[in-house]
């Protein structure tokens, strides 16, 4: 059976170089007339010691919402810039609808959860070059997603 990638989950940390992975997601979407869910995971390490000792839960919640709103705005600006850049290269380029989800937690586990939630056919993400020793000792988000994902994972190298 030939695979059909209708539900595409694109995970990005918004760092420099992630554009090529996004182009791969768009290419699959166009080829299979699918939908893209773009996910960004906020990984705020909260501990019992630290900020919670100085700020109450209500203020912490407001701060959290400001951070999420700022990230949403950043994503929107980056998507707008991407469209303008691509239209310069390919007149008539349209981005089309993209579902955007911003979640908080451990990146690889949230990517797997969201993949299951939307019943993704494929996960696309970028990965940066790390030494083999780094990946053996620390692992990488892409490596963990590959080993725990049900749908296939396309990993695009990011320079």
C-alpha atoms as a PDB file:
ATOM      1  CA  UNK A   1       0.000   0.000   0.000  1.00  0.00           C
ATOM      2  CA  UNK A   2       1.317   3.435  -0.933  1.00  0.00           C
ATOM      3  CA  UNK A   3       1.382   5.770   2.083  1.00  0.00           C
ATOM      4  CA  UNK A   4      -0.868   8.806   2.165  1.00  0.00           C
ATOM      5  CA  UNK A   5       0.268  11.691   4.329  1.00  0.00           C
ATOM      6  CA  UNK A   6      -2.919  13.679   4.883  1.00  0.00           C
ATOM      7  CA  UNK A   7      -2.315  14.680   8.510  1.00  0.00           C
ATOM      8  CA  UNK A   8       1.147  16.180   8.843  1.00  0.00           C
ATOM      9  CA  UNK A   9       2.599  17.182  12.183  1.00  0.00           C
ATOM     10  CA  UNK A  10       5.457  19.661  11.828  1.00  0.00           C
ATOM     11  CA  UNK A  11       7.397  20.240  15.043  1.00  0.00           C
ATOM     12  CA  UNK A  12       9.796  23.164  15.304  1.00  0.00           C
ATOM     13  CA  UNK A  13      11.786  24.981  17.957  1.00  0.00           C
ATOM     14  CA  UNK A  14      11.795  28.147  15.798  1.00  0.00           C
ATOM     15  CA  UNK A  15      15.571  28.265  15.755  1.00  0.00           C
ATOM     16  CA  UNK A  16      17.658  29.384  12.795  1.00  0.00           C
ATOM     17  CA  UNK A  17      17.722  26.865   9.973  1.00  0.00           C
ATOM     18  CA  UNK A  18      14.285  25.334  10.574  1.00  0.00           C
ATOM     19  CA  UNK A  19      12.987  26.733   7.271  1.00  0.00           C
ATOM     20  CA  UNK A  20      14.071  23.654   5.263  1.00  0.00           C
ATOM     21  CA  UNK A  21      12.087  21.308   7.499  1.00  0.00           C
ATOM     22  CA  UNK A  22       9.050  23.570   7.099  1.00  0.00           C
ATOM     23  CA  UNK A  23       9.467  23.472   3.311  1.00  0.00           C
ATOM     24  CA  UNK A  24       9.507  19.667   3.506  1.00  0.00           C
ATOM     25  CA  UNK A  25       6.218  19.747   5.438  1.00  0.00           C
ATOM     26  CA  UNK A  26       4.678  22.087   2.854  1.00  0.00           C
ATOM     27  CA  UNK A  27       5.893  19.875   0.028  1.00  0.00           C
ATOM     28  CA  UNK A  28       4.231  16.799   1.545  1.00  0.00           C
ATOM     29  CA  UNK A  29       1.059  18.781   2.199  1.00  0.00           C
ATOM     30  CA  UNK A  30       0.902  19.891  -1.414  1.00  0.00           C
ATOM     31  CA  UNK A  31       1.722  16.431  -2.768  1.00  0.00           C
ATOM     32  CA  UNK A  32      -0.946  14.660  -0.705  1.00  0.00           C
ATOM     33  CA  UNK A  33      -3.447  17.542  -0.349  1.00  0.00           C
ATOM     34  CA  UNK A  34      -3.064  17.207   3.406  1.00  0.00           C
ATOM     35  CA  UNK A  35      -3.253  19.411   6.473  1.00  0.00           C
ATOM     36  CA  UNK A  36      -0.359  20.679   8.566  1.00  0.00           C
ATOM     37  CA  UNK A  37      -0.426  21.050  12.313  1.00  0.00           C
ATOM     38  CA  UNK A  38       2.527  23.167  13.356  1.00  0.00           C
ATOM     39  CA  UNK A  39       3.566  22.571  16.945  1.00  0.00           C
ATOM     40  CA  UNK A  40       5.969  24.480  19.130  1.00  0.00           C
ATOM     41  CA  UNK A  41       6.748  23.154  22.576  1.00  0.00           C
ATOM     42  CA  UNK A  42       7.592  25.539  25.394  1.00  0.00           C
ATOM     43  CA  UNK A  43       9.901  23.780  27.800  1.00  0.00           C
ATOM     44  CA  UNK A  44       9.855  25.920  30.933  1.00  0.00           C
ATOM     45  CA  UNK A  45      11.561  24.075  33.736  1.00  0.00           C
ATOM     46  CA  UNK A  46       9.501  24.753  36.831  1.00  0.00           C
ATOM     47  CA  UNK A  47      10.824  23.658  40.168  1.00  0.00           C
ATOM     48  CA  UNK A  48       9.649  24.011  43.729  1.00  0.00           C
ATOM     49  CA  UNK A  49      12.648  26.250  44.406  1.00  0.00           C
ATOM     50  CA  UNK A  50      13.090  29.414  42.421  1.00  0.00           C
ATOM     51  CA  UNK A  51      10.443  31.614  40.869  1.00  0.00           C
ATOM     52  CA  UNK A  52       7.605  30.016  42.861  1.00  0.00           C
ATOM     53  CA  UNK A  53       9.290  31.282  46.033  1.00  0.00           C
ATOM     54  CA  UNK A  54       8.887  34.868  44.850  1.00  0.00           C
ATOM     55  CA  UNK A  55       5.685  34.986  42.837  1.00  0.00           C
ATOM     56  CA  UNK A  56       2.180  33.710  43.546  1.00  0.00           C
ATOM     57  CA  UNK A  57       0.296  31.292  41.263  1.00  0.00           C
ATOM     58  CA  UNK A  58      -1.943  34.012  39.778  1.00  0.00           C
ATOM     59  CA  UNK A  59       1.034  36.176  38.782  1.00  0.00           C
ATOM     60  CA  UNK A  60       2.855  33.097  37.483  1.00  0.00           C
ATOM     61  CA  UNK A  61      -0.173  32.181  35.362  1.00  0.00           C
ATOM     62  CA  UNK A  62      -0.324  35.719  33.923  1.00  0.00           C
ATOM     63  CA  UNK A  63       3.395  35.580  33.132  1.00  0.00           C
ATOM     64  CA  UNK A  64       2.939  32.197  31.466  1.00  0.00           C
ATOM     65  CA  UNK A  65       0.095  33.571  29.313  1.00  0.00           C
ATOM     66  CA  UNK A  66       2.250  36.542  28.266  1.00  0.00           C
ATOM     67  CA  UNK A  67       5.027  34.173  27.196  1.00  0.00           C
ATOM     68  CA  UNK A  68       2.629  31.997  25.183  1.00  0.00           C
ATOM     69  CA  UNK A  69       1.072  35.079  23.534  1.00  0.00           C
ATOM     70  CA  UNK A  70       4.552  36.350  22.637  1.00  0.00           C
ATOM     71  CA  UNK A  71       5.456  32.994  21.069  1.00  0.00           C
ATOM     72  CA  UNK A  72       2.174  32.928  19.111  1.00  0.00           C
ATOM     73  CA  UNK A  73       2.944  36.418  17.801  1.00  0.00           C
ATOM     74  CA  UNK A  74       6.477  35.347  16.885  1.00  0.00           C
ATOM     75  CA  UNK A  75       5.159  32.306  14.995  1.00  0.00           C
ATOM     76  CA  UNK A  76       2.644  34.456  13.139  1.00  0.00           C
ATOM     77  CA  UNK A  77       5.370  36.963  12.176  1.00  0.00           C
ATOM     78  CA  UNK A  78       7.690  34.181  11.006  1.00  0.00           C
ATOM     79  CA  UNK A  79       4.946  32.595   8.899  1.00  0.00           C
ATOM     80  CA  UNK A  80       4.151  35.981   7.326  1.00  0.00           C
ATOM     81  CA  UNK A  81       7.849  36.560   6.566  1.00  0.00           C
ATOM     82  CA  UNK A  82       8.167  33.043   5.147  1.00  0.00           C
ATOM     83  CA  UNK A  83       5.248  33.679   2.775  1.00  0.00           C
ATOM     84  CA  UNK A  84       6.718  37.000   1.601  1.00  0.00           C
ATOM     85  CA  UNK A  85      10.154  35.437   1.047  1.00  0.00           C
ATOM     86  CA  UNK A  86       8.678  32.499  -0.862  1.00  0.00           C
ATOM     87  CA  UNK A  87       6.495  34.794  -2.982  1.00  0.00           C
ATOM     88  CA  UNK A  88       9.664  36.609  -4.078  1.00  0.00           C
ATOM     89  CA  UNK A  89      11.088  33.260  -5.259  1.00  0.00           C
ATOM     90  CA  UNK A  90       7.819  31.754  -6.536  1.00  0.00           C
ATOM     91  CA  UNK A  91       5.197  34.348  -7.459  1.00  0.00           C
ATOM     92  CA  UNK A  92       1.728  33.145  -6.551  1.00  0.00           C
ATOM     93  CA  UNK A  93       2.936  31.081  -3.577  1.00  0.00           C
ATOM     94  CA  UNK A  94       0.189  30.666  -0.993  1.00  0.00           C
ATOM     95  CA  UNK A  95       0.797  29.257   2.467  1.00  0.00           C
ATOM     96  CA  UNK A  96      -2.724  27.979   2.969  1.00  0.00           C
ATOM     97  CA  UNK A  97      -4.237  27.097   6.315  1.00  0.00           C
ATOM     98  CA  UNK A  98      -1.997  25.739   9.046  1.00  0.00           C
ATOM     99  CA  UNK A  99      -3.167  24.656  12.482  1.00  0.00           C
ATOM    100  CA  UNK A 100      -0.845  26.084  15.132  1.00  0.00           C
ATOM    101  CA  UNK A 101      -0.499  24.483  18.543  1.00  0.00           C
ATOM    102  CA  UNK A 102       1.692  25.768  21.314  1.00  0.00           C
ATOM    103  CA  UNK A 103       2.107  23.361  24.191  1.00  0.00           C
ATOM    104  CA  UNK A 104       4.207  23.182  27.301  1.00  0.00           C
ATOM    105  CA  UNK A 105       6.191  20.208  28.489  1.00  0.00           C
ATOM    106  CA  UNK A 106       8.989  17.854  27.569  1.00  0.00           C
ATOM    107  CA  UNK A 107       9.297  18.357  23.779  1.00  0.00           C
ATOM    108  CA  UNK A 108       9.539  14.734  22.628  1.00  0.00           C
ATOM    109  CA  UNK A 109       6.677  13.506  24.818  1.00  0.00           C
ATOM    110  CA  UNK A 110       4.399  16.374  23.779  1.00  0.00           C
ATOM    111  CA  UNK A 111       5.172  15.755  20.092  1.00  0.00           C
ATOM    112  CA  UNK A 112       4.156  12.110  20.524  1.00  0.00           C
ATOM    113  CA  UNK A 113       0.992  13.113  22.454  1.00  0.00           C
ATOM    114  CA  UNK A 114      -0.040  15.631  19.800  1.00  0.00           C
ATOM    115  CA  UNK A 115       0.712  13.147  17.031  1.00  0.00           C
ATOM    116  CA  UNK A 116      -1.648  10.680  18.714  1.00  0.00           C
ATOM    117  CA  UNK A 117      -4.214  13.423  19.387  1.00  0.00           C
ATOM    118  CA  UNK A 118      -4.471  14.496  15.733  1.00  0.00           C
ATOM    119  CA  UNK A 119      -3.918  10.963  14.402  1.00  0.00           C
ATOM    120  CA  UNK A 120      -0.907  12.168  12.386  1.00  0.00           C
ATOM    121  CA  UNK A 121       0.182  10.204   9.341  1.00  0.00           C
ATOM    122  CA  UNK A 122       3.717  11.610   9.531  1.00  0.00           C
ATOM    123  CA  UNK A 123       5.881  13.788  11.767  1.00  0.00           C
ATOM    124  CA  UNK A 124       8.366  16.204  10.224  1.00  0.00           C
ATOM    125  CA  UNK A 125      11.044  17.887  12.253  1.00  0.00           C
ATOM    126  CA  UNK A 126      14.540  19.237  11.928  1.00  0.00           C
ATOM    127  CA  UNK A 127      17.607  18.220  13.859  1.00  0.00           C
ATOM    128  CA  UNK A 128      20.874  19.985  14.432  1.00  0.00           C
ATOM    129  CA  UNK A 129      24.255  18.359  14.056  1.00  0.00           C
ATOM    130  CA  UNK A 130      25.486  16.970  17.345  1.00  0.00           C
ATOM    131  CA  UNK A 131      28.380  14.680  18.028  1.00  0.00           C
ATOM    132  CA  UNK A 132      27.664  10.962  18.335  1.00  0.00           C
ATOM    133  CA  UNK A 133      28.771  11.131  21.968  1.00  0.00           C
ATOM    134  CA  UNK A 134      26.260  13.914  22.687  1.00  0.00           C
ATOM    135  CA  UNK A 135      23.431  11.887  21.179  1.00  0.00           C
ATOM    136  CA  UNK A 136      24.419   8.751  23.105  1.00  0.00           C
ATOM    137  CA  UNK A 137      24.691  10.567  26.425  1.00  0.00           C
ATOM    138  CA  UNK A 138      21.968  13.175  26.139  1.00  0.00           C
ATOM    139  CA  UNK A 139      19.826  12.030  23.242  1.00  0.00           C
ATOM    140  CA  UNK A 140      18.012  14.473  21.060  1.00  0.00           C
ATOM    141  CA  UNK A 141      14.371  15.338  20.661  1.00  0.00           C
ATOM    142  CA  UNK A 142      14.317  13.912  17.138  1.00  0.00           C
ATOM    143  CA  UNK A 143      16.003  10.699  18.266  1.00  0.00           C
ATOM    144  CA  UNK A 144      13.461  10.179  21.054  1.00  0.00           C
ATOM    145  CA  UNK A 145      10.533  10.950  18.751  1.00  0.00           C
ATOM    146  CA  UNK A 146      11.831   8.441  16.184  1.00  0.00           C
ATOM    147  CA  UNK A 147      12.036   5.711  18.818  1.00  0.00           C
ATOM    148  CA  UNK A 148       8.579   6.357  20.331  1.00  0.00           C
ATOM    149  CA  UNK A 149       6.488   7.390  17.335  1.00  0.00           C
ATOM    150  CA  UNK A 150       3.843   5.262  15.656  1.00  0.00           C
ATOM    151  CA  UNK A 151       3.762   7.232  12.376  1.00  0.00           C
ATOM    152  CA  UNK A 152       6.968   7.661  10.352  1.00  0.00           C
ATOM    153  CA  UNK A 153       9.226  10.563  11.262  1.00  0.00           C
ATOM    154  CA  UNK A 154      10.982  12.588   8.564  1.00  0.00           C
ATOM    155  CA  UNK A 155      14.036  14.303  10.009  1.00  0.00           C
ATOM    156  CA  UNK A 156      15.519  17.177   8.017  1.00  0.00           C
ATOM    157  CA  UNK A 157      19.090  18.183   8.884  1.00  0.00           C
ATOM    158  CA  UNK A 158      19.388  21.793  10.005  1.00  0.00           C
ATOM    159  CA  UNK A 159      22.658  23.644   9.495  1.00  0.00           C
END
